[in-house]
Amino acid sequence: MKLTLFFLFASITAFTYWLRHINLQHLKKHGDKVPEGFEGAIDEEKLRSSSAYTFDSSRLGLWDSLLDNALLIVFLFGGLIATYDVFVSSLSTSPIISGIIFFLLLTWVSSILGIPFDLYGTFRVEARYGFNTTTPRIWLADFFKSQAIGTVLLVLLITVVFWLISWSPEQWWIWVWGFMAVFSLFMMFISPYVIEPLFNKYEPVAEEGLEGDIRIMMEKAGLKVGKVLQMDASKRSKHSNAYFTGIGRVKRIVLYDTLIKQMSHREIVAVLAHEIGHWKKGHLWKRLLWAEIMAFAGSWISFKLLAWQGLPLLLGLPAEVSLPSKMVVLGFVASLALFPLGPFSAWRSRCHEREADRFAADLTGRPADLASALVKMSVENLSNLFPNPLYAGFYYSHPPTVGRVHALRELSKSEAGANIV
């Protein structure tokens, strides 16, 4: 069975690398043509920069992935996990403390090994294309803050989960599922107030006249004016974006200050209308519901498989290995089993994005504004305008930008024709 799992893992990994390859080949073939709807916004020099940025980023991601997969093979298939399990078990007789040590050490080692790639990506690749504005001091501060937060949260989760398992050996799966569901919602509430401000400064939109335009659009959407904030993204990067965060009364729309500088008020309002579309269409709740359904089923399956004596044997491990080692084996097997669901999740997300685009177009009455905003964002971010359709189908959570812009332009033409009639 160990050989079968290795073959399956190798096949999936090879397939993902093949997808990466055909995506870059597709870009190499089509990347020198200005797409329809982008005329005047991008020239040949910008197209070359966009292609080069995609190639450099993909190359860095490939080396990172190769290292991760090589270490995974050594750890799981080379027997290192058995040695590591014995070592951690010798440090404490407490299942909770052993579990904390087991996963914390793995997390810290993974973070340390990822440092060279992150540094190279930030200070070489991002800097080469004019995106990086962070400093070594900011990078270090971000790294240690994220590690501290991650450590605290991981210790909390492991402590509660392992305690629930020992407290209710026969029903722990439903208690763990319930705790994780509540914890996820709790993090969505406190993150905008506690965690996010540790990294960025958030303040009301300061652009003159923009707040009034936003209020008018909010009222038209039938949405109480909540918090629309700008974030000092330019402190770290020149990339631009917008997103919504939080839930309930703490939900907010966040605009990068870089985006505000790049766009007109009408384009910014169109981007906000898109984000509001996610709220009005209930995308957040739909995603949460789907995630909890999957988590509920996953908890029950995990309960059954972790109690199965044959689970460690799948990777040639002794049946008496610790619970953390069994969890690692289970996580690995689950990643292989769930791989085919990736394209489905990406497809659902793209459907939501199209719905939000249409909502924004209907709300503002100006589909061309959102189209123009998307063009600017993709050009300024040096986005790949020519993804391979199969690659995009597997990985893209948003429809490819050229297609989105085309759909919005066509919608604008049809609405203009209807007005003439």
Protein backbone atom coordinates (compact mmCIF):
# COMPACT_ATOMS: atom_id res chain seq x y z
CA MET A 1 0.00 0.00 0.00
CA LYS A 2 2.91 2.31 0.72
CA LEU A 3 4.11 1.96 -2.86
CA THR A 4 0.60 2.62 -4.16
CA LEU A 5 0.32 5.82 -2.14
CA PHE A 6 3.73 6.94 -3.35
CA PHE A 7 2.73 6.32 -6.96
CA LEU A 8 -0.51 8.25 -6.43
CA PHE A 9 1.34 11.13 -4.80
CA ALA A 10 3.95 11.16 -7.58
CA SER A 11 1.24 11.11 -10.26
CA ILE A 12 -0.68 14.01 -8.72
CA THR A 13 2.52 16.00 -8.22
CA ALA A 14 3.63 15.36 -11.81
CA PHE A 15 0.20 16.42 -13.03
CA THR A 16 0.39 19.73 -11.13
CA TYR A 17 3.84 20.39 -12.58
CA TRP A 18 2.51 19.60 -16.05
CA LEU A 19 -0.29 22.10 -15.49
CA ARG A 20 2.29 24.69 -14.49
CA HIS A 21 4.28 23.89 -17.65
CA ILE A 22 1.37 24.19 -20.09
CA ASN A 23 0.31 27.43 -18.40
CA LEU A 24 3.71 28.97 -19.06
CA GLN A 25 3.79 27.58 -22.59
CA HIS A 26 0.40 29.13 -23.24
CA LEU A 27 1.70 32.47 -21.98
CA LYS A 28 4.81 32.18 -24.14
CA LYS A 29 2.64 31.57 -27.20
CA HIS A 30 0.05 34.30 -26.63
CA GLY A 31 1.74 36.75 -24.27
CA ASP A 32 2.84 39.24 -26.93
CA LYS A 33 -0.67 40.17 -28.08
CA VAL A 34 -2.66 42.97 -26.45
CA PRO A 35 -6.02 41.41 -25.54
CA GLU A 36 -9.31 42.94 -26.59
CA GLY A 37 -10.44 45.60 -24.15
CA PHE A 38 -6.88 46.37 -23.00
CA GLU A 39 -5.93 48.62 -25.90
CA GLY A 40 -4.36 51.81 -24.62
CA ALA A 41 -3.92 50.39 -21.11
CA ILE A 42 -0.97 48.10 -21.84
CA ASP A 43 1.83 48.21 -24.39
CA GLU A 44 4.34 45.64 -25.63
CA GLU A 45 6.92 46.57 -22.99
CA LYS A 46 4.36 46.10 -20.21
CA LEU A 47 3.31 42.78 -21.73
CA ARG A 48 6.92 41.60 -21.68
CA SER A 49 7.25 42.65 -18.04
CA SER A 50 4.00 40.86 -17.21
CA SER A 51 5.19 37.64 -18.85
CA ALA A 52 8.62 37.85 -17.25
CA TYR A 53 7.08 38.42 -13.82
CA THR A 54 4.82 35.40 -14.24
CA PHE A 55 7.76 33.24 -15.32
CA ASP A 56 9.98 34.38 -12.45
CA SER A 57 7.23 33.93 -9.85
CA SER A 58 6.34 30.51 -11.21
CA ARG A 59 10.00 29.45 -11.24
CA LEU A 60 10.41 30.44 -7.60
CA GLY A 61 7.20 28.62 -6.70
CA LEU A 62 8.46 25.53 -8.50
CA TRP A 63 11.71 25.39 -6.51
CA ASP A 64 9.77 25.92 -3.29
CA SER A 65 7.40 23.10 -4.23
CA LEU A 66 10.25 20.77 -5.18
CA LEU A 67 11.89 21.25 -1.79
CA ASP A 68 8.60 20.76 0.06
CA ASN A 69 7.82 17.58 -1.84
CA ALA A 70 11.34 16.21 -1.41
CA LEU A 71 11.15 16.73 2.35
CA LEU A 72 7.68 15.21 2.47
CA ILE A 73 8.94 12.11 0.69
CA VAL A 74 11.85 11.75 3.10
CA PHE A 75 9.64 12.36 6.12
CA LEU A 76 6.72 10.10 5.20
CA PHE A 77 8.15 7.50 2.83
CA GLY A 78 11.72 7.51 4.08
CA GLY A 79 10.71 6.58 7.63
CA LEU A 80 11.80 9.83 9.29
CA ILE A 81 8.33 10.25 10.79
CA ALA A 82 8.82 7.09 12.87
CA THR A 83 12.09 8.39 14.29
CA TYR A 84 10.54 11.79 14.95
CA ASP A 85 7.57 10.13 16.66
CA VAL A 86 9.85 8.23 19.05
CA PHE A 87 11.83 11.40 19.79
CA VAL A 88 8.77 13.51 20.62
CA SER A 89 7.19 10.73 22.68
CA SER A 90 10.33 10.55 24.80
CA LEU A 91 9.99 14.22 25.79
CA SER A 92 6.67 13.93 27.62
CA THR A 93 4.14 11.35 28.74
CA SER A 94 1.29 13.85 28.38
CA PRO A 95 -0.62 13.35 25.11
CA ILE A 96 -1.45 17.06 24.97
CA ILE A 97 2.13 18.26 25.53
CA SER A 98 3.47 15.67 23.10
CA GLY A 99 0.93 16.79 20.51
CA ILE A 100 1.92 20.44 20.97
CA ILE A 101 5.63 19.64 20.61
CA PHE A 102 5.01 17.38 17.61
CA PHE A 103 3.14 19.94 15.54
CA LEU A 104 4.96 23.06 16.76
CA LEU A 105 8.37 21.71 15.77
CA LEU A 106 7.08 20.71 12.33
CA THR A 107 5.52 24.15 11.86
CA TRP A 108 8.66 26.00 12.95
CA VAL A 109 10.92 23.90 10.73
CA SER A 110 8.61 24.49 7.77
CA SER A 111 8.65 28.24 8.44
CA ILE A 112 12.44 28.35 8.71
CA LEU A 113 12.90 26.38 5.48
CA GLY A 114 10.55 28.79 3.73
CA ILE A 115 12.55 31.87 4.73
CA PRO A 116 14.99 31.82 1.76
CA PHE A 117 12.14 31.58 -0.74
CA ASP A 118 10.19 34.36 0.94
CA LEU A 119 13.26 36.61 1.08
CA TYR A 120 14.16 35.95 -2.53
CA GLY A 121 10.59 36.50 -3.64
CA THR A 122 10.29 39.76 -1.70
CA PHE A 123 13.69 41.36 -2.18
CA ARG A 124 14.61 40.00 -5.61
CA VAL A 125 11.55 39.06 -7.66
CA GLU A 126 9.15 41.67 -6.28
CA ALA A 127 11.87 44.32 -6.21
CA ARG A 128 12.97 43.52 -9.77
CA TYR A 129 9.52 44.47 -11.06
CA GLY A 130 9.11 47.52 -8.85
CA PHE A 131 6.61 46.06 -6.40
CA ASN A 132 8.56 45.70 -3.18
CA THR A 133 8.52 48.60 -0.73
CA THR A 134 9.13 46.66 2.47
CA THR A 135 12.36 46.83 4.42
CA PRO A 136 14.31 44.05 6.17
CA ARG A 137 13.13 45.49 9.48
CA ILE A 138 9.45 45.32 8.48
CA TRP A 139 9.94 41.83 7.02
CA LEU A 140 11.49 40.58 10.26
CA ALA A 141 8.78 42.19 12.37
CA ASP A 142 6.07 40.62 10.21
CA PHE A 143 7.77 37.23 10.36
CA PHE A 144 8.09 37.15 14.14
CA LYS A 145 4.60 38.53 14.72
CA SER A 146 3.06 35.94 12.39
CA GLN A 147 5.07 33.17 14.05
CA ALA A 148 4.01 34.30 17.51
CA ILE A 149 0.34 34.51 16.54
CA GLY A 150 0.48 31.18 14.75
CA THR A 151 2.16 29.52 17.72
CA VAL A 152 -0.41 30.79 20.21
CA LEU A 153 -3.33 29.72 18.03
CA LEU A 154 -1.80 26.33 17.26
CA VAL A 155 -1.14 25.61 20.94
CA LEU A 156 -4.72 26.59 21.76
CA LEU A 157 -6.19 24.39 19.04
CA ILE A 158 -4.06 21.36 19.84
CA THR A 159 -4.73 21.67 23.56
CA VAL A 160 -8.50 21.80 23.13
CA VAL A 161 -8.69 19.13 20.41
CA PHE A 162 -6.52 16.63 22.27
CA TRP A 163 -8.38 17.30 25.51
CA LEU A 164 -11.71 16.67 23.77
CA ILE A 165 -10.37 13.42 22.36
CA SER A 166 -9.35 12.19 25.81
CA TRP A 167 -12.54 13.51 27.45
CA SER A 168 -14.93 11.85 24.97
CA PRO A 169 -13.17 8.99 23.18
CA GLU A 170 -16.35 7.81 21.41
CA GLN A 171 -17.93 11.14 20.42
CA TRP A 172 -14.92 13.47 20.20
CA TRP A 173 -15.40 13.99 16.47
CA ILE A 174 -18.63 15.95 16.90
CA TRP A 175 -17.21 17.98 19.79
CA VAL A 176 -14.10 18.82 17.79
CA TRP A 177 -16.20 19.79 14.80
CA GLY A 178 -18.34 22.07 16.97
CA PHE A 179 -15.32 23.67 18.61
CA MET A 180 -13.61 24.32 15.28
CA ALA A 181 -16.79 25.83 13.84
CA VAL A 182 -17.17 28.20 16.79
CA PHE A 183 -13.47 29.02 16.75
CA SER A 184 -13.58 29.88 13.04
CA LEU A 185 -16.49 32.27 13.57
CA PHE A 186 -14.75 33.77 16.59
CA MET A 187 -11.62 34.44 14.54
CA MET A 188 -13.70 36.11 11.86
CA PHE A 189 -15.07 38.46 14.52
CA ILE A 190 -11.83 39.35 16.27
CA SER A 191 -9.38 39.28 13.38
CA PRO A 192 -10.34 42.74 12.03
CA TYR A 193 -9.85 44.27 15.48
CA VAL A 194 -7.01 42.25 17.00
CA ILE A 195 -4.86 40.53 14.38
CA GLU A 196 -5.04 42.57 11.17
CA PRO A 197 -4.08 45.88 12.87
CA LEU A 198 -0.88 44.25 14.09
CA PHE A 199 0.38 44.28 10.52
CA ASN A 200 -1.31 47.22 8.83
CA LYS A 201 -2.84 50.57 9.66
CA TYR A 202 -6.55 50.90 8.90
CA GLU A 203 -8.32 54.25 8.69
CA PRO A 204 -11.41 55.73 7.05
CA VAL A 205 -11.07 56.49 3.35
CA ALA A 206 -9.41 59.89 3.14
CA GLU A 207 -9.75 60.60 -0.59
CA GLU A 208 -11.71 63.83 -0.97
CA GLY A 209 -15.23 63.24 -2.26
CA LEU A 210 -14.86 59.45 -2.29
CA GLU A 211 -16.68 58.88 1.00
CA GLY A 212 -19.77 60.63 -0.33
CA ASP A 213 -19.77 58.52 -3.49
CA ILE A 214 -19.43 55.40 -1.37
CA ARG A 215 -22.33 56.38 0.90
CA ILE A 216 -24.61 57.01 -2.08
CA MET A 217 -23.75 53.59 -3.52
CA MET A 218 -24.23 51.87 -0.14
CA GLU A 219 -27.67 53.42 0.31
CA LYS A 220 -28.62 52.36 -3.21
CA ALA A 221 -27.62 48.80 -2.32
CA GLY A 222 -29.82 48.94 0.79
CA LEU A 223 -26.82 48.37 2.99
CA LYS A 224 -26.16 50.24 6.20
CA VAL A 225 -22.94 52.16 5.88
CA GLY A 226 -20.43 50.08 7.75
CA LYS A 227 -16.72 50.55 7.73
CA VAL A 228 -15.01 51.18 4.43
CA LEU A 229 -11.35 51.50 5.27
CA GLN A 230 -8.10 52.06 3.47
CA MET A 231 -5.05 50.03 4.38
CA ASP A 232 -1.45 51.18 4.16
CA ALA A 233 -0.51 48.39 1.74
CA SER A 234 2.07 50.68 0.10
CA LYS A 235 4.21 50.23 3.21
CA ARG A 236 5.08 46.75 1.95
CA SER A 237 4.15 46.51 -1.72
CA LYS A 238 2.81 48.42 -4.70
CA HIS A 239 0.34 45.66 -5.51
CA SER A 240 -3.28 46.81 -5.36
CA ASN A 241 -6.41 45.01 -4.24
CA ALA A 242 -9.63 45.24 -2.26
CA TYR A 243 -11.35 42.69 -0.04
CA PHE A 244 -14.00 42.21 2.59
CA THR A 245 -13.32 40.84 6.03
CA GLY A 246 -15.14 40.08 9.25
CA ILE A 247 -18.70 38.98 9.78
CA GLY A 248 -21.88 40.43 11.22
CA ARG A 249 -21.44 43.87 12.74
CA VAL A 250 -17.67 43.81 12.32
CA LYS A 251 -17.74 43.24 8.56
CA ARG A 252 -15.80 45.79 6.60
CA ILE A 253 -14.53 46.56 3.13
CA VAL A 254 -10.82 47.25 2.87
CA LEU A 255 -9.20 49.15 0.02
CA TYR A 256 -5.47 49.15 -0.52
CA ASP A 257 -4.15 52.71 -0.57
CA THR A 258 -2.33 51.75 -3.76
CA LEU A 259 -5.67 50.97 -5.41
CA ILE A 260 -7.10 54.35 -4.38
CA LYS A 261 -4.14 56.10 -6.03
CA GLN A 262 -4.50 54.12 -9.25
CA MET A 263 -8.22 54.47 -9.90
CA SER A 264 -10.90 57.06 -10.43
CA HIS A 265 -13.75 57.43 -7.94
CA ARG A 266 -16.16 55.68 -10.29
CA GLU A 267 -13.82 52.73 -10.67
CA ILE A 268 -13.33 52.48 -6.90
CA VAL A 269 -17.09 52.58 -6.36
CA ALA A 270 -17.45 49.79 -8.93
CA VAL A 271 -14.89 47.65 -7.04
CA LEU A 272 -16.78 48.30 -3.79
CA ALA A 273 -20.04 47.35 -5.50
CA HIS A 274 -18.44 44.05 -6.47
CA GLU A 275 -17.45 43.38 -2.85
CA ILE A 276 -20.95 44.33 -1.67
CA GLY A 277 -22.29 41.88 -4.22
CA HIS A 278 -20.63 39.06 -2.26
CA TRP A 279 -22.57 40.15 0.84
CA LYS A 280 -25.89 40.67 -0.89
CA LYS A 281 -25.67 37.34 -2.72
CA GLY A 282 -24.81 35.51 0.51
CA HIS A 283 -21.55 34.12 -0.81
CA LEU A 284 -19.85 34.25 2.58
CA TRP A 285 -22.59 32.22 4.26
CA LYS A 286 -22.74 29.77 1.37
CA ARG A 287 -19.01 29.19 1.64
CA LEU A 288 -19.21 28.83 5.41
CA LEU A 289 -22.08 26.35 5.12
CA TRP A 290 -20.23 24.29 2.53
CA ALA A 291 -17.07 24.35 4.63
CA GLU A 292 -18.91 23.19 7.74
CA ILE A 293 -20.69 20.40 5.86
CA MET A 294 -17.33 19.18 4.59
CA ALA A 295 -15.79 19.59 8.04
CA PHE A 296 -18.61 17.64 9.68
CA ALA A 297 -18.16 14.76 7.25
CA GLY A 298 -14.39 15.00 7.58
CA SER A 299 -14.54 14.85 11.38
CA TRP A 300 -16.59 11.66 11.32
CA ILE A 301 -14.32 10.05 8.72
CA SER A 302 -11.27 11.11 10.73
CA PHE A 303 -12.78 9.51 13.85
CA LYS A 304 -13.21 6.23 12.01
CA LEU A 305 -9.81 6.22 10.33
CA LEU A 306 -7.82 7.27 13.41
CA ALA A 307 -9.37 4.35 15.28
CA TRP A 308 -8.40 1.98 12.44
CA GLN A 309 -5.27 0.00 13.24
CA GLY A 310 -4.35 -0.18 9.58
CA LEU A 311 -3.94 3.58 9.11
CA PRO A 312 -0.23 3.78 10.08
CA LEU A 313 0.46 0.63 8.06
CA LEU A 314 -0.45 2.53 4.89
CA LEU A 315 2.97 4.16 5.13
CA GLY A 316 4.72 1.22 6.73
CA LEU A 317 4.61 2.64 10.26
CA PRO A 318 4.11 0.60 13.43
CA ALA A 319 0.47 0.34 14.50
CA GLU A 320 1.32 1.78 17.92
CA VAL A 321 2.61 5.16 16.69
CA SER A 322 1.26 8.23 18.47
CA LEU A 323 -1.95 10.03 17.62
CA PRO A 324 -0.11 13.04 16.08
CA SER A 325 1.69 10.71 13.65
CA LYS A 326 -1.61 9.09 12.74
CA MET A 327 -3.04 12.56 12.11
CA VAL A 328 -0.17 13.36 9.76
CA VAL A 329 -0.75 10.15 7.84
CA LEU A 330 -4.48 10.90 7.71
CA GLY A 331 -3.82 14.44 6.49
CA PHE A 332 -1.58 13.17 3.73
CA VAL A 333 -4.07 10.56 2.56
CA ALA A 334 -6.87 13.12 2.72
CA SER A 335 -4.90 15.55 0.55
CA LEU A 336 -4.66 12.89 -2.14
CA ALA A 337 -8.32 11.93 -1.86
CA LEU A 338 -9.54 15.54 -1.94
CA PHE A 339 -7.36 16.63 -4.86
CA PRO A 340 -10.16 16.08 -7.43
CA LEU A 341 -12.39 18.48 -5.46
CA GLY A 342 -10.00 21.38 -6.06
CA PRO A 343 -11.39 22.28 -9.51
CA PHE A 344 -14.94 22.12 -8.14
CA SER A 345 -14.13 24.57 -5.35
CA ALA A 346 -12.41 26.87 -7.82
CA TRP A 347 -15.42 26.68 -10.14
CA ARG A 348 -17.84 27.60 -7.33
CA SER A 349 -15.66 30.57 -6.42
CA ARG A 350 -15.58 31.75 -10.05
CA CYS A 351 -19.37 31.52 -10.18
CA HIS A 352 -19.59 33.76 -7.12
CA GLU A 353 -17.20 36.25 -8.70
CA ARG A 354 -19.32 36.43 -11.85
CA GLU A 355 -22.44 36.98 -9.74
CA ALA A 356 -20.68 39.78 -7.88
CA ASP A 357 -19.58 41.33 -11.19
CA ARG A 358 -23.16 41.30 -12.46
CA PHE A 359 -24.44 42.72 -9.18
CA ALA A 360 -21.92 45.58 -9.37
CA ALA A 361 -22.90 46.29 -12.96
CA ASP A 362 -26.61 46.41 -12.06
CA LEU A 363 -26.04 48.48 -8.92
CA THR A 364 -23.89 51.16 -10.50
CA GLY A 365 -25.54 51.01 -13.92
CA ARG A 366 -22.05 51.33 -15.41
CA PRO A 367 -20.48 47.93 -16.20
CA ALA A 368 -17.66 49.72 -18.02
CA ASP A 369 -16.41 51.19 -14.74
CA LEU A 370 -15.75 47.76 -13.25
CA ALA A 371 -14.22 46.60 -16.52
CA SER A 372 -11.87 49.60 -16.47
CA ALA A 373 -10.98 48.91 -12.83
CA LEU A 374 -10.16 45.28 -13.61
CA VAL A 375 -7.96 46.33 -16.51
CA LYS A 376 -6.02 48.74 -14.31
CA MET A 377 -5.60 46.22 -11.50
CA SER A 378 -4.35 43.49 -13.82
CA VAL A 379 -1.96 45.83 -15.65
CA GLU A 380 -0.58 47.43 -12.49
CA ASN A 381 -0.16 44.02 -10.81
CA LEU A 382 1.44 42.49 -13.94
CA SER A 383 -1.16 39.72 -13.84
CA ASN A 384 -1.01 36.87 -16.32
CA LEU A 385 -3.57 37.84 -18.98
CA PHE A 386 -3.18 34.56 -20.86
CA PRO A 387 -3.62 31.64 -18.45
CA ASN A 388 -4.08 28.21 -19.95
CA PRO A 389 -7.81 27.36 -19.67
CA LEU A 390 -7.10 24.00 -18.02
CA TYR A 391 -4.73 25.57 -15.50
CA ALA A 392 -7.23 28.32 -14.74
CA GLY A 393 -9.97 25.71 -14.35
CA PHE A 394 -7.97 23.92 -11.69
CA TYR A 395 -6.59 26.85 -9.72
CA TYR A 396 -8.25 30.17 -10.46
CA SER A 397 -10.69 31.37 -7.81
CA HIS A 398 -11.56 34.30 -10.09
CA PRO A 399 -12.44 34.10 -13.78
CA PRO A 400 -9.49 35.11 -16.00
CA THR A 401 -9.46 38.90 -16.24
CA VAL A 402 -9.73 39.11 -20.03
CA GLY A 403 -12.96 37.11 -19.96
CA ARG A 404 -14.39 39.21 -17.11
CA VAL A 405 -13.59 42.43 -18.93
CA HIS A 406 -15.11 41.12 -22.16
CA ALA A 407 -18.33 40.09 -20.38
CA LEU A 408 -18.64 43.50 -18.72
CA ARG A 409 -17.96 45.34 -21.99
CA GLU A 410 -20.64 43.30 -23.73
CA LEU A 411 -23.05 44.02 -20.90
CA SER A 412 -22.29 47.71 -21.21
CA LYS A 413 -22.97 47.60 -24.97
CA SER A 414 -26.27 45.76 -24.50
CA GLU A 415 -27.43 48.23 -21.85
CA ALA A 416 -26.44 51.15 -24.06
CA GLY A 417 -28.40 49.62 -26.94
CA ALA A 418 -31.42 49.10 -24.71
CA ASN A 419 -31.31 52.75 -23.63
CA ILE A 420 -31.22 53.90 -27.27
CA VAL A 421 -34.24 51.79 -28.10
